[in-house]
Amino acid sequence: MSTIILVTGGSRSGKSAHALRLAESRPGPWTFVATCPEIDGEMAKKIEAHRLERDSRRWATIEEEVDLAGAIARAGAGTVLVDCLTLWVNNLMYHASLAGREVTEQEVAGLTGGVVRAARRASGTVIFVTNEVGLGIVPPDPSTRLYRNLVGRCGQAVAAAADAAVLVVCGMPITLKGDPEK
């Protein structure tokens, strides 16, 4: 049975750097599950820079926009870092829109449950990164409110299942649950 850790915080809070440090403090092999789609030239450069940095540090990378449970299963033993759930929910919404439908909270809850089950079956540690999106104002339009709600529900479900949870603010980790260093 694996250890599950959730690292959350605002955009550019330092949560990914903190999650990477936590992961590298644990036994390898290390696998990075990247959920970010390459949507433009700027993002392509950012993805490539991160990929090269991880490669130089002996990380394997799995790029997966939608089948997160499958990616965790493919990662195998060691330490798996999933960055990030926020983009995963975005990808679910995008792919649903291409099919002419809307993702529901129930659907995301079911998929998140599958991701948590895959993480629990993993051999080692699975660290999830997500944005804390509930600290701002209520979004002005229905699709943005839905996105905020789906990301919030996903984060709550993973936090409830996690052995440890950390909030990162201004690069400073604040432990919310358990001992992430254990």
C-alpha atoms as a PDB file:
ATOM      1  CA  MET A   1       0.000   0.000   0.000  1.00  0.00           C
ATOM      2  CA  SER A   2       1.355   3.398  -0.972  1.00  0.00           C
ATOM      3  CA  THR A   3       1.655   6.700   0.806  1.00  0.00           C
ATOM      4  CA  ILE A   4      -0.407   9.509  -0.723  1.00  0.00           C
ATOM      5  CA  ILE A   5       0.583  13.160  -0.270  1.00  0.00           C
ATOM      6  CA  LEU A   6      -1.325  16.204  -1.532  1.00  0.00           C
ATOM      7  CA  VAL A   7       0.486  19.500  -2.098  1.00  0.00           C
ATOM      8  CA  THR A   8      -1.788  22.463  -2.748  1.00  0.00           C
ATOM      9  CA  GLY A   9      -1.489  26.228  -3.005  1.00  0.00           C
ATOM     10  CA  GLY A  10      -2.126  29.162  -5.277  1.00  0.00           C
ATOM     11  CA  SER A  11      -0.581  29.760  -8.681  1.00  0.00           C
ATOM     12  CA  ARG A  12       3.159  30.335  -8.422  1.00  0.00           C
ATOM     13  CA  SER A  13       3.070  29.599  -4.675  1.00  0.00           C
ATOM     14  CA  GLY A  14       6.005  27.182  -4.868  1.00  0.00           C
ATOM     15  CA  LYS A  15       3.877  24.052  -4.585  1.00  0.00           C
ATOM     16  CA  SER A  16       5.473  22.220  -7.534  1.00  0.00           C
ATOM     17  CA  ALA A  17       9.004  22.947  -6.295  1.00  0.00           C
ATOM     18  CA  HIS A  18       8.020  21.738  -2.831  1.00  0.00           C
ATOM     19  CA  ALA A  19       6.441  18.574  -4.255  1.00  0.00           C
ATOM     20  CA  LEU A  20       9.576  17.894  -6.295  1.00  0.00           C
ATOM     21  CA  ARG A  21      11.738  18.278  -3.181  1.00  0.00           C
ATOM     22  CA  LEU A  22       9.451  15.914  -1.251  1.00  0.00           C
ATOM     23  CA  ALA A  23       9.582  13.374  -4.073  1.00  0.00           C
ATOM     24  CA  GLU A  24      13.364  13.474  -4.377  1.00  0.00           C
ATOM     25  CA  SER A  25      13.690  12.881  -0.625  1.00  0.00           C
ATOM     26  CA  ARG A  26      12.024   9.492  -1.158  1.00  0.00           C
ATOM     27  CA  PRO A  27      13.339   6.327  -2.787  1.00  0.00           C
ATOM     28  CA  GLY A  28      13.334   6.140  -6.577  1.00  0.00           C
ATOM     29  CA  PRO A  29      12.840   5.433  -9.273  1.00  0.00           C
ATOM     30  CA  TRP A  30      11.034   8.750  -9.730  1.00  0.00           C
ATOM     31  CA  THR A  31       8.248   9.174 -12.262  1.00  0.00           C
ATOM     32  CA  PHE A  32       6.695  12.507 -13.150  1.00  0.00           C
ATOM     33  CA  VAL A  33       3.140  12.370 -14.510  1.00  0.00           C
ATOM     34  CA  ALA A  34       2.622  15.578 -16.476  1.00  0.00           C
ATOM     35  CA  THR A  35      -0.963  16.600 -17.234  1.00  0.00           C
ATOM     36  CA  CYS A  36      -0.223  19.892 -19.007  1.00  0.00           C
ATOM     37  CA  PRO A  37      -1.206  19.980 -22.677  1.00  0.00           C
ATOM     38  CA  GLU A  38       1.030  21.766 -25.153  1.00  0.00           C
ATOM     39  CA  ILE A  39      -1.356  24.525 -26.233  1.00  0.00           C
ATOM     40  CA  ASP A  40       1.003  27.140 -27.667  1.00  0.00           C
ATOM     41  CA  GLY A  41       4.652  28.004 -28.266  1.00  0.00           C
ATOM     42  CA  GLU A  42       5.178  29.505 -24.823  1.00  0.00           C
ATOM     43  CA  MET A  43       3.792  26.397 -23.133  1.00  0.00           C
ATOM     44  CA  ALA A  44       5.860  24.143 -25.407  1.00  0.00           C
ATOM     45  CA  LYS A  45       9.044  25.929 -24.284  1.00  0.00           C
ATOM     46  CA  LYS A  46       8.049  25.671 -20.624  1.00  0.00           C
ATOM     47  CA  ILE A  47       7.253  21.955 -20.942  1.00  0.00           C
ATOM     48  CA  GLU A  48      10.569  21.281 -22.700  1.00  0.00           C
ATOM     49  CA  ALA A  49      12.548  23.192 -20.043  1.00  0.00           C
ATOM     50  CA  HIS A  50      10.876  21.203 -17.255  1.00  0.00           C
ATOM     51  CA  ARG A  51      11.396  17.939 -19.152  1.00  0.00           C
ATOM     52  CA  LEU A  52      15.134  18.646 -19.586  1.00  0.00           C
ATOM     53  CA  GLU A  53      15.490  19.579 -15.910  1.00  0.00           C
ATOM     54  CA  ARG A  54      13.832  16.338 -14.802  1.00  0.00           C
ATOM     55  CA  ASP A  55      15.856  14.268 -17.284  1.00  0.00           C
ATOM     56  CA  SER A  56      19.077  15.667 -15.843  1.00  0.00           C
ATOM     57  CA  ARG A  57      17.871  14.553 -12.414  1.00  0.00           C
ATOM     58  CA  ARG A  58      17.023  10.989 -13.569  1.00  0.00           C
ATOM     59  CA  TRP A  59      13.236  11.316 -13.695  1.00  0.00           C
ATOM     60  CA  ALA A  60      11.065   9.286 -16.035  1.00  0.00           C
ATOM     61  CA  THR A  61       8.164  11.275 -17.495  1.00  0.00           C
ATOM     62  CA  ILE A  62       4.690  10.119 -18.460  1.00  0.00           C
ATOM     63  CA  GLU A  63       2.632  12.722 -20.283  1.00  0.00           C
ATOM     64  CA  GLU A  64      -1.053  12.031 -19.774  1.00  0.00           C
ATOM     65  CA  GLU A  65      -3.872  14.554 -20.077  1.00  0.00           C
ATOM     66  CA  VAL A  66      -6.877  12.380 -19.177  1.00  0.00           C
ATOM     67  CA  ASP A  67      -6.167   8.788 -18.026  1.00  0.00           C
ATOM     68  CA  LEU A  68      -4.520   9.667 -14.736  1.00  0.00           C
ATOM     69  CA  ALA A  69      -5.343   6.361 -13.042  1.00  0.00           C
ATOM     70  CA  GLY A  70      -3.753   4.512 -15.965  1.00  0.00           C
ATOM     71  CA  ALA A  71      -0.661   6.717 -15.859  1.00  0.00           C
ATOM     72  CA  ILE A  72      -0.175   6.021 -12.150  1.00  0.00           C
ATOM     73  CA  ALA A  73      -0.512   2.289 -12.810  1.00  0.00           C
ATOM     74  CA  ARG A  74       2.028   2.499 -15.679  1.00  0.00           C
ATOM     75  CA  ALA A  75       4.517   4.359 -13.472  1.00  0.00           C
ATOM     76  CA  GLY A  76       5.256   1.256 -11.428  1.00  0.00           C
ATOM     77  CA  ALA A  77       7.172   1.209  -8.144  1.00  0.00           C
ATOM     78  CA  GLY A  78       9.020   4.101  -6.549  1.00  0.00           C
ATOM     79  CA  THR A  79       7.855   7.674  -6.204  1.00  0.00           C
ATOM     80  CA  VAL A  80       5.265   9.178  -8.533  1.00  0.00           C
ATOM     81  CA  LEU A  81       4.654  12.921  -8.751  1.00  0.00           C
ATOM     82  CA  VAL A  82       1.433  13.999 -10.490  1.00  0.00           C
ATOM     83  CA  ASP A  83       1.519  17.650 -11.537  1.00  0.00           C
ATOM     84  CA  CYS A  84      -1.239  18.644 -11.596  1.00  0.00           C
ATOM     85  CA  LEU A  85      -4.845  17.792 -10.774  1.00  0.00           C
ATOM     86  CA  THR A  86      -5.971  21.299 -11.711  1.00  0.00           C
ATOM     87  CA  LEU A  87      -4.910  20.811 -15.324  1.00  0.00           C
ATOM     88  CA  TRP A  88      -6.302  17.274 -15.303  1.00  0.00           C
ATOM     89  CA  VAL A  89      -9.767  18.659 -14.490  1.00  0.00           C
ATOM     90  CA  ASN A  90      -9.292  21.286 -17.218  1.00  0.00           C
ATOM     91  CA  ASN A  91      -8.433  18.502 -19.679  1.00  0.00           C
ATOM     92  CA  LEU A  92     -11.508  16.496 -18.682  1.00  0.00           C
ATOM     93  CA  MET A  93     -13.671  19.556 -19.311  1.00  0.00           C
ATOM     94  CA  TYR A  94     -11.978  20.260 -22.646  1.00  0.00           C
ATOM     95  CA  HIS A  95     -12.312  16.703 -23.951  1.00  0.00           C
ATOM     96  CA  ALA A  96     -15.954  16.594 -22.838  1.00  0.00           C
ATOM     97  CA  SER A  97     -16.615  19.857 -24.687  1.00  0.00           C
ATOM     98  CA  LEU A  98     -15.137  18.347 -27.862  1.00  0.00           C
ATOM     99  CA  ALA A  99     -17.729  15.581 -27.473  1.00  0.00           C
ATOM    100  CA  GLY A 100     -20.483  18.192 -27.054  1.00  0.00           C
ATOM    101  CA  ARG A 101     -21.130  17.590 -23.384  1.00  0.00           C
ATOM    102  CA  GLU A 102     -20.329  18.997 -19.970  1.00  0.00           C
ATOM    103  CA  VAL A 103     -18.447  17.187 -17.198  1.00  0.00           C
ATOM    104  CA  THR A 104     -20.479  16.773 -14.018  1.00  0.00           C
ATOM    105  CA  GLU A 105     -19.361  16.833 -10.398  1.00  0.00           C
ATOM    106  CA  GLN A 106     -20.453  13.190 -10.129  1.00  0.00           C
ATOM    107  CA  GLU A 107     -18.279  12.220 -13.099  1.00  0.00           C
ATOM    108  CA  VAL A 108     -15.219  13.990 -11.677  1.00  0.00           C
ATOM    109  CA  ALA A 109     -15.912  12.425  -8.272  1.00  0.00           C
ATOM    110  CA  GLY A 110     -15.950   8.972  -9.865  1.00  0.00           C
ATOM    111  CA  LEU A 111     -12.786   9.598 -11.869  1.00  0.00           C
ATOM    112  CA  THR A 112     -11.049  11.072  -8.825  1.00  0.00           C
ATOM    113  CA  GLY A 113     -12.027   7.973  -6.840  1.00  0.00           C
ATOM    114  CA  GLY A 114     -10.388   5.856  -9.539  1.00  0.00           C
ATOM    115  CA  VAL A 115      -7.241   7.972  -9.377  1.00  0.00           C
ATOM    116  CA  VAL A 116      -7.102   7.614  -5.582  1.00  0.00           C
ATOM    117  CA  ARG A 117      -7.580   3.839  -5.853  1.00  0.00           C
ATOM    118  CA  ALA A 118      -4.750   3.630  -8.426  1.00  0.00           C
ATOM    119  CA  ALA A 119      -2.534   5.710  -6.141  1.00  0.00           C
ATOM    120  CA  ARG A 120      -3.342   3.511  -3.154  1.00  0.00           C
ATOM    121  CA  ARG A 121      -2.433   0.381  -5.163  1.00  0.00           C
ATOM    122  CA  ALA A 122       0.921   1.869  -6.198  1.00  0.00           C
ATOM    123  CA  SER A 123       4.093   0.612  -4.609  1.00  0.00           C
ATOM    124  CA  GLY A 124       5.810   3.579  -2.964  1.00  0.00           C
ATOM    125  CA  THR A 125       4.671   7.176  -2.705  1.00  0.00           C
ATOM    126  CA  VAL A 126       2.273   9.156  -4.903  1.00  0.00           C
ATOM    127  CA  ILE A 127       2.397  12.933  -4.571  1.00  0.00           C
ATOM    128  CA  PHE A 128      -0.365  15.030  -6.122  1.00  0.00           C
ATOM    129  CA  VAL A 129      -0.113  18.748  -6.852  1.00  0.00           C
ATOM    130  CA  THR A 130      -3.213  20.907  -7.205  1.00  0.00           C
ATOM    131  CA  ASN A 131      -4.184  24.553  -7.060  1.00  0.00           C
ATOM    132  CA  GLU A 132      -6.287  25.822  -4.197  1.00  0.00           C
ATOM    133  CA  VAL A 133      -8.954  27.632  -6.191  1.00  0.00           C
ATOM    134  CA  GLY A 134     -11.478  28.339  -3.439  1.00  0.00           C
ATOM    135  CA  LEU A 135      -9.846  31.407  -1.906  1.00  0.00           C
ATOM    136  CA  GLY A 136     -10.888  33.914  -4.553  1.00  0.00           C
ATOM    137  CA  ILE A 137     -14.104  35.572  -5.549  1.00  0.00           C
ATOM    138  CA  VAL A 138     -17.017  33.662  -7.065  1.00  0.00           C
ATOM    139  CA  PRO A 139     -16.354  33.492 -10.824  1.00  0.00           C
ATOM    140  CA  PRO A 140     -18.766  35.561 -12.952  1.00  0.00           C
ATOM    141  CA  ASP A 141     -19.704  32.887 -15.505  1.00  0.00           C
ATOM    142  CA  PRO A 142     -21.122  29.357 -15.286  1.00  0.00           C
ATOM    143  CA  SER A 143     -18.227  27.497 -16.968  1.00  0.00           C
ATOM    144  CA  THR A 144     -15.616  29.086 -14.709  1.00  0.00           C
ATOM    145  CA  ARG A 145     -17.765  28.366 -11.640  1.00  0.00           C
ATOM    146  CA  LEU A 146     -18.074  24.757 -12.790  1.00  0.00           C
ATOM    147  CA  TYR A 147     -14.299  24.534 -13.217  1.00  0.00           C
ATOM    148  CA  ARG A 148     -13.706  25.976  -9.747  1.00  0.00           C
ATOM    149  CA  ASN A 149     -16.248  23.544  -8.275  1.00  0.00           C
ATOM    150  CA  LEU A 150     -14.756  20.515 -10.041  1.00  0.00           C
ATOM    151  CA  VAL A 151     -11.174  21.385  -9.010  1.00  0.00           C
ATOM    152  CA  GLY A 152     -12.374  22.007  -5.451  1.00  0.00           C
ATOM    153  CA  ARG A 153     -14.226  18.685  -5.242  1.00  0.00           C
ATOM    154  CA  CYS A 154     -11.252  16.830  -6.707  1.00  0.00           C
ATOM    155  CA  GLY A 155      -8.876  18.446  -4.200  1.00  0.00           C
ATOM    156  CA  GLN A 156     -11.186  17.652  -1.300  1.00  0.00           C
ATOM    157  CA  ALA A 157     -11.439  13.996  -2.294  1.00  0.00           C
ATOM    158  CA  VAL A 158      -7.687  13.565  -2.687  1.00  0.00           C
ATOM    159  CA  ALA A 159      -7.023  15.420   0.592  1.00  0.00           C
ATOM    160  CA  ALA A 160      -9.486  13.162   2.420  1.00  0.00           C
ATOM    161  CA  ALA A 161      -7.708  10.055   1.104  1.00  0.00           C
ATOM    162  CA  ALA A 162      -4.182  11.416   1.563  1.00  0.00           C
ATOM    163  CA  ASP A 163      -1.869  10.384   4.365  1.00  0.00           C
ATOM    164  CA  ALA A 164      -0.447  13.915   4.403  1.00  0.00           C
ATOM    165  CA  ALA A 165      -1.479  17.276   2.952  1.00  0.00           C
ATOM    166  CA  VAL A 166       0.526  20.489   2.637  1.00  0.00           C
ATOM    167  CA  LEU A 167      -0.524  24.026   1.740  1.00  0.00           C
ATOM    168  CA  VAL A 168       2.258  26.117   0.185  1.00  0.00           C
ATOM    169  CA  VAL A 169       2.038  29.900   0.520  1.00  0.00           C
ATOM    170  CA  CYS A 170       4.849  32.191  -0.730  1.00  0.00           C
ATOM    171  CA  GLY A 171       7.116  29.148  -0.977  1.00  0.00           C
ATOM    172  CA  MET A 172       6.464  28.193   2.642  1.00  0.00           C
ATOM    173  CA  PRO A 173       4.906  24.765   3.320  1.00  0.00           C
ATOM    174  CA  ILE A 174       2.225  24.539   5.995  1.00  0.00           C
ATOM    175  CA  THR A 175       1.311  20.997   7.026  1.00  0.00           C
ATOM    176  CA  LEU A 176      -2.442  20.460   7.075  1.00  0.00           C
ATOM    177  CA  LYS A 177      -2.559  16.720   7.717  1.00  0.00           C
ATOM    178  CA  GLY A 178      -0.128  13.954   8.642  1.00  0.00           C
ATOM    179  CA  ASP A 179       3.643  14.173   8.247  1.00  0.00           C
ATOM    180  CA  PRO A 180       4.701  14.712   4.606  1.00  0.00           C
ATOM    181  CA  GLU A 181       8.356  14.157   5.537  1.00  0.00           C
ATOM    182  CA  LYS A 182       7.674  10.652   6.875  1.00  0.00           C
END
